[in-house]
């Protein structure tokens, strides 16, 4: 940490809450950005089991500016918030909480808008594209709703091992956005779904460290016209990303989503443009040490 920085009574506090939370890159990223911008903010990681108690404490502390929310609390925080933005309400999860000046707590999701920003930065246009998602968890919900509601995609396919969960998500997206959305079992549907797809968003934990050599996408299903984005960022080069590169697919690494959604959080809490390069450098330094 920059030795010129000193915590004092003017320091604004931000945090990430989850259970577990020790693996999080967020403190490294946010604190690096605070230091780069010269802001008197500090960001910590809190393992939280009592969500209601934590949020009551946040309300009571004027110096507490905001928190990131990760597994398993993205849904359980929602009943305790005063305001929830429309995109988070659509997705049914919150990953960002801001303490307003009057002590009220507002919730939003930056996962979807952050992924849109990551695609834009990579030069990948989504308008009119056919998108396939693997997985039907909270992050996939947030990103799928953002793609359908704001990305202008032509249609969405949800593939998950739990077929009922995939169907429920597909029906929800269609009902709330009007974008054509279908669902199928992951193992049975992926090859045919990818044959006509423009974008693959891999949203399961398959391929995450320590299972680095796992992938839910058959190599033969990959083709050069398919942009591949893997939400998994540990390892940086997942098996899917390596396979996609070999097949000539444009790729977007999972760390780009993490950075982009964190930058949106940072900007909401500080009112300033985020020094994204400082965030990226801090994140990559930690990944290189894995």
Protein backbone atom coordinates (compact mmCIF):
# COMPACT_ATOMS: atom_id res chain seq x y z
CA UNK A 1 0.00 0.00 0.00
CA UNK A 2 1.11 3.56 -0.74
CA UNK A 3 2.92 4.75 2.39
CA UNK A 4 1.48 8.25 1.90
CA UNK A 5 -1.97 6.85 2.65
CA UNK A 6 -3.15 6.92 6.24
CA UNK A 7 -6.50 5.73 7.58
CA UNK A 8 -8.14 8.47 9.66
CA UNK A 9 -11.54 9.77 10.69
CA UNK A 10 -12.23 10.98 7.14
CA UNK A 11 -11.65 7.58 5.52
CA UNK A 12 -14.65 6.21 3.64
CA UNK A 13 -15.16 2.45 3.96
CA UNK A 14 -16.17 0.00 1.23
CA UNK A 15 -16.19 -3.79 1.40
CA UNK A 16 -17.10 -7.08 -0.18
CA UNK A 17 -19.38 -9.45 1.71
CA UNK A 18 -19.77 -13.16 1.08
CA UNK A 19 -19.25 -16.57 2.63
CA UNK A 20 -16.50 -17.54 1.94
CA UNK A 21 -14.76 -14.37 0.81
CA UNK A 22 -11.03 -14.92 1.38
CA UNK A 23 -10.37 -15.66 -2.29
CA UNK A 24 -11.77 -12.32 -3.51
CA UNK A 25 -9.65 -10.11 -5.77
CA UNK A 26 -11.90 -7.13 -5.04
CA UNK A 27 -9.87 -5.61 -2.16
CA UNK A 28 -6.70 -5.61 -4.28
CA UNK A 29 -8.50 -4.04 -7.24
CA UNK A 30 -10.52 -1.37 -5.44
CA UNK A 31 -7.71 -0.29 -3.12
CA UNK A 32 -5.30 0.01 -6.07
CA UNK A 33 -7.83 2.26 -7.81
CA UNK A 34 -8.37 4.36 -4.67
CA UNK A 35 -4.63 4.88 -4.32
CA UNK A 36 -4.20 5.71 -8.01
CA UNK A 37 -6.95 8.33 -7.73
CA UNK A 38 -5.61 9.71 -4.43
CA UNK A 39 -8.90 9.06 -2.61
CA UNK A 40 -9.18 8.50 1.14
CA UNK A 41 -11.12 5.24 0.82
CA UNK A 42 -10.38 1.74 2.10
CA UNK A 43 -11.90 -1.55 0.91
CA UNK A 44 -12.03 -4.69 3.07
CA UNK A 45 -13.38 -8.23 2.78
CA UNK A 46 -15.95 -9.39 5.35
CA UNK A 47 -17.15 -12.96 5.75
CA UNK A 48 -20.80 -12.43 6.64
CA UNK A 49 -23.44 -14.90 7.81
CA UNK A 50 -25.93 -12.47 9.36
CA UNK A 51 -26.92 -10.34 6.36
CA UNK A 52 -29.59 -8.32 8.20
CA UNK A 53 -27.20 -7.52 11.04
CA UNK A 54 -24.45 -6.43 8.67
CA UNK A 55 -26.76 -4.13 6.72
CA UNK A 56 -28.10 -2.60 9.93
CA UNK A 57 -24.53 -1.78 10.88
CA UNK A 58 -23.88 -0.31 7.45
CA UNK A 59 -26.89 1.99 7.86
CA UNK A 60 -25.59 3.14 11.23
CA UNK A 61 -22.13 4.11 9.92
CA UNK A 62 -22.01 7.37 7.91
CA UNK A 63 -18.44 6.58 6.82
CA UNK A 64 -19.57 3.33 5.15
CA UNK A 65 -20.02 4.16 1.48
CA UNK A 66 -20.83 0.84 -0.18
CA UNK A 67 -20.27 -2.86 -0.52
CA UNK A 68 -19.94 -5.52 -3.18
CA UNK A 69 -22.05 -8.62 -2.66
CA UNK A 70 -20.96 -12.10 -3.68
CA UNK A 71 -22.09 -15.70 -3.16
CA UNK A 72 -24.33 -16.59 -1.34
CA UNK A 73 -25.85 -13.20 -0.50
CA UNK A 74 -26.85 -11.67 -3.87
CA UNK A 75 -30.50 -12.56 -3.32
CA UNK A 76 -30.73 -12.55 0.48
CA UNK A 77 -29.71 -8.87 0.74
CA UNK A 78 -32.64 -7.70 -1.38
CA UNK A 79 -35.45 -7.66 1.25
CA UNK A 80 -33.29 -5.43 3.47
CA UNK A 81 -32.71 -2.66 0.90
CA UNK A 82 -34.68 0.56 0.53
CA UNK A 83 -34.30 0.78 -3.26
CA UNK A 84 -33.42 -1.68 -6.03
CA UNK A 85 -32.74 -0.54 -9.58
CA UNK A 86 -34.80 -2.02 -12.45
CA UNK A 87 -31.99 -4.16 -13.90
CA UNK A 88 -31.27 -5.79 -10.54
CA UNK A 89 -35.00 -6.35 -10.04
CA UNK A 90 -35.20 -7.98 -13.49
CA UNK A 91 -32.25 -10.24 -12.74
CA UNK A 92 -33.43 -11.01 -9.22
CA UNK A 93 -30.06 -10.34 -7.61
CA UNK A 94 -27.94 -7.47 -6.28
CA UNK A 95 -24.14 -7.30 -6.31
CA UNK A 96 -23.69 -3.66 -5.30
CA UNK A 97 -25.06 -1.73 -2.31
CA UNK A 98 -24.62 1.99 -1.76
CA UNK A 99 -25.28 3.80 1.51
CA UNK A 100 -26.98 7.06 0.61
CA UNK A 101 -26.47 10.25 2.61
CA UNK A 102 -29.75 9.74 4.48
CA UNK A 103 -28.68 6.26 5.62
CA UNK A 104 -30.90 4.37 3.18
CA UNK A 105 -29.42 1.49 1.19
CA UNK A 106 -29.80 1.17 -2.58
CA UNK A 107 -29.03 -1.97 -4.54
CA UNK A 108 -28.08 -2.59 -8.13
CA UNK A 109 -26.33 -5.16 -10.27
CA UNK A 110 -23.16 -4.27 -12.18
CA UNK A 111 -22.56 -7.81 -13.49
CA UNK A 112 -24.67 -7.30 -16.60
CA UNK A 113 -23.68 -3.71 -17.46
CA UNK A 114 -20.06 -4.57 -16.62
CA UNK A 115 -20.10 -7.46 -19.10
CA UNK A 116 -21.62 -5.17 -21.74
CA UNK A 117 -18.72 -2.78 -21.09
CA UNK A 118 -16.20 -5.65 -21.40
CA UNK A 119 -17.66 -6.70 -24.76
CA UNK A 120 -17.61 -3.09 -25.98
CA UNK A 121 -13.96 -2.74 -24.91
CA UNK A 122 -13.13 -5.93 -26.82
CA UNK A 123 -14.78 -4.54 -29.96
CA UNK A 124 -17.51 -7.18 -29.99
CA UNK A 125 -20.91 -5.85 -31.04
CA UNK A 126 -23.93 -7.72 -29.63
CA UNK A 127 -26.75 -6.18 -31.64
CA UNK A 128 -28.52 -8.82 -33.70
CA UNK A 129 -26.33 -11.65 -32.36
CA UNK A 130 -27.43 -15.13 -31.30
CA UNK A 131 -26.10 -15.80 -27.80
CA UNK A 132 -25.73 -19.10 -25.93
CA UNK A 133 -25.27 -19.20 -22.14
CA UNK A 134 -24.07 -22.20 -20.18
CA UNK A 135 -25.37 -22.14 -16.63
CA UNK A 136 -28.42 -20.53 -15.03
CA UNK A 137 -27.03 -19.06 -11.80
CA UNK A 138 -27.09 -15.50 -10.51
CA UNK A 139 -24.30 -14.12 -12.69
CA UNK A 140 -25.78 -15.68 -15.82
CA UNK A 141 -29.19 -14.23 -14.94
CA UNK A 142 -27.73 -10.74 -14.59
CA UNK A 143 -25.73 -10.91 -17.82
CA UNK A 144 -28.50 -12.57 -19.84
CA UNK A 145 -31.01 -9.90 -18.81
CA UNK A 146 -28.53 -7.13 -19.69
CA UNK A 147 -27.84 -8.67 -23.11
CA UNK A 148 -31.57 -9.03 -23.80
CA UNK A 149 -32.68 -5.68 -22.37
CA UNK A 150 -29.75 -3.44 -23.32
CA UNK A 151 -27.50 -5.37 -25.72
CA UNK A 152 -29.93 -5.70 -28.61
CA UNK A 153 -29.27 -9.43 -29.11
CA UNK A 154 -31.47 -11.36 -31.54
CA UNK A 155 -32.09 -14.38 -29.33
CA UNK A 156 -30.81 -16.18 -26.27
CA UNK A 157 -30.35 -19.87 -25.48
CA UNK A 158 -29.90 -21.04 -21.88
CA UNK A 159 -28.17 -24.40 -21.37
CA UNK A 160 -27.91 -25.87 -17.88
CA UNK A 161 -27.58 -29.25 -16.21
CA UNK A 162 -30.74 -28.44 -14.29
CA UNK A 163 -33.20 -28.27 -17.21
CA UNK A 164 -36.01 -26.85 -15.05
CA UNK A 165 -33.80 -23.99 -13.88
CA UNK A 166 -32.78 -23.24 -17.47
CA UNK A 167 -36.42 -23.23 -18.58
CA UNK A 168 -37.48 -20.95 -15.74
CA UNK A 169 -34.77 -18.43 -16.62
CA UNK A 170 -35.61 -18.56 -20.32
CA UNK A 171 -39.30 -17.97 -19.62
CA UNK A 172 -38.44 -15.06 -17.31
CA UNK A 173 -36.22 -13.35 -19.90
CA UNK A 174 -38.84 -13.76 -22.64
CA UNK A 175 -41.62 -12.43 -20.42
CA UNK A 176 -39.69 -9.39 -19.18
CA UNK A 177 -37.74 -8.37 -22.31
CA UNK A 178 -39.61 -9.89 -25.26
CA UNK A 179 -36.39 -11.34 -26.66
CA UNK A 180 -36.76 -14.86 -28.08
CA UNK A 181 -35.27 -17.20 -25.46
CA UNK A 182 -35.08 -21.00 -25.39
CA UNK A 183 -33.66 -23.57 -22.99
CA UNK A 184 -32.14 -27.04 -23.25
CA UNK A 185 -30.11 -29.49 -21.15
CA UNK A 186 -26.42 -28.59 -21.24
CA UNK A 187 -24.93 -31.92 -22.30
CA UNK A 188 -27.54 -32.69 -24.96
CA UNK A 189 -28.02 -29.23 -26.40
CA UNK A 190 -24.66 -27.53 -26.60
CA UNK A 191 -23.38 -28.80 -29.95
CA UNK A 192 -26.54 -27.94 -31.87
CA UNK A 193 -26.96 -24.60 -30.04
CA UNK A 194 -23.43 -23.47 -30.86
CA UNK A 195 -23.71 -24.42 -34.53
CA UNK A 196 -25.80 -21.33 -35.22
CA UNK A 197 -24.49 -19.08 -32.45
CA UNK A 198 -22.42 -15.90 -32.64
CA UNK A 199 -21.49 -15.64 -28.94
CA UNK A 200 -20.92 -18.17 -26.16
CA UNK A 201 -21.03 -17.03 -22.53
CA UNK A 202 -19.70 -19.77 -20.25
CA UNK A 203 -21.24 -19.16 -16.84
CA UNK A 204 -20.73 -22.41 -14.93
CA UNK A 205 -17.83 -23.05 -12.49
CA UNK A 206 -16.53 -25.80 -14.81
CA UNK A 207 -12.84 -25.22 -15.51
CA UNK A 208 -12.22 -23.22 -12.34
CA UNK A 209 -9.05 -23.88 -10.33
CA UNK A 210 -8.19 -26.57 -9.26
CA UNK A 211 -10.09 -28.28 -12.11
CA UNK A 212 -8.19 -26.38 -14.79
CA UNK A 213 -8.46 -29.05 -17.48
CA UNK A 214 -12.26 -29.37 -17.36
CA UNK A 215 -14.60 -27.86 -19.95
CA UNK A 216 -18.29 -28.25 -20.68
CA UNK A 217 -17.83 -27.26 -24.35
CA UNK A 218 -16.78 -29.95 -26.87
CA UNK A 219 -13.86 -28.79 -28.97
CA UNK A 220 -15.66 -29.77 -32.17
CA UNK A 221 -18.53 -27.40 -31.31
CA UNK A 222 -16.24 -24.35 -31.50
CA UNK A 223 -15.98 -22.48 -34.80
CA UNK A 224 -14.14 -19.40 -36.01
CA UNK A 225 -17.25 -17.19 -36.15
CA UNK A 226 -17.99 -17.72 -32.45
CA UNK A 227 -16.89 -15.20 -29.80
CA UNK A 228 -16.16 -17.07 -26.56
CA UNK A 229 -16.39 -15.44 -23.12
CA UNK A 230 -15.63 -17.52 -20.04
CA UNK A 231 -16.77 -16.01 -16.72
CA UNK A 232 -14.20 -18.17 -14.91
CA UNK A 233 -11.11 -16.07 -14.23
CA UNK A 234 -9.06 -18.51 -12.15
CA UNK A 235 -7.08 -19.68 -14.05
CA UNK A 236 -6.70 -16.74 -16.42
CA UNK A 237 -6.38 -19.13 -19.38
CA UNK A 238 -9.10 -21.72 -18.85
CA UNK A 239 -9.30 -24.90 -20.90
CA UNK A 240 -12.21 -23.37 -22.83
CA UNK A 241 -10.25 -20.22 -23.64
CA UNK A 242 -7.29 -22.30 -24.88
CA UNK A 243 -9.56 -24.49 -26.99
CA UNK A 244 -11.35 -21.44 -28.40
CA UNK A 245 -8.09 -19.76 -29.40
CA UNK A 246 -6.97 -22.95 -31.14
CA UNK A 247 -10.26 -23.00 -33.05
CA UNK A 248 -9.76 -19.40 -34.22
CA UNK A 249 -12.47 -17.92 -31.99
CA UNK A 250 -12.18 -14.37 -30.63
CA UNK A 251 -12.02 -14.68 -26.82
CA UNK A 252 -12.79 -12.50 -23.80
CA UNK A 253 -11.24 -13.54 -20.48
CA UNK A 254 -13.33 -13.70 -17.31
CA UNK A 255 -11.15 -11.14 -15.56
CA UNK A 256 -12.48 -8.48 -17.96
CA UNK A 257 -16.01 -8.91 -16.57
CA UNK A 258 -14.69 -8.75 -13.01
CA UNK A 259 -12.77 -5.56 -13.71
CA UNK A 260 -15.58 -3.86 -15.64
CA UNK A 261 -18.27 -4.56 -13.05
CA UNK A 262 -15.92 -3.46 -10.26
CA UNK A 263 -15.16 -0.23 -12.11
CA UNK A 264 -18.88 0.54 -12.29
CA UNK A 265 -19.17 -0.04 -8.54
CA UNK A 266 -16.16 2.20 -7.88
CA UNK A 267 -17.55 4.99 -10.05
CA UNK A 268 -20.93 4.81 -8.34
CA UNK A 269 -19.36 5.13 -4.89
CA UNK A 270 -16.85 7.87 -5.73
CA UNK A 271 -18.50 9.87 -8.52
CA UNK A 272 -15.23 9.74 -10.47
CA UNK A 273 -13.94 7.88 -13.52
CA UNK A 274 -12.24 4.67 -12.42
CA UNK A 275 -8.51 4.21 -13.11
CA UNK A 276 -9.17 0.84 -14.76
CA UNK A 277 -5.52 0.19 -15.58
CA UNK A 278 -4.66 0.26 -11.88
CA UNK A 279 -7.45 -2.24 -11.20
CA UNK A 280 -6.28 -4.54 -14.00
CA UNK A 281 -2.66 -4.42 -12.88
CA UNK A 282 -3.62 -5.34 -9.30
CA UNK A 283 -5.86 -8.19 -10.45
CA UNK A 284 -3.29 -9.67 -12.82
CA UNK A 285 -0.60 -9.46 -10.14
CA UNK A 286 -2.73 -11.60 -7.86
CA UNK A 287 -3.59 -14.08 -10.62
CA UNK A 288 0.07 -14.48 -11.53
CA UNK A 289 0.74 -15.45 -7.91
CA UNK A 290 -1.85 -18.27 -7.96
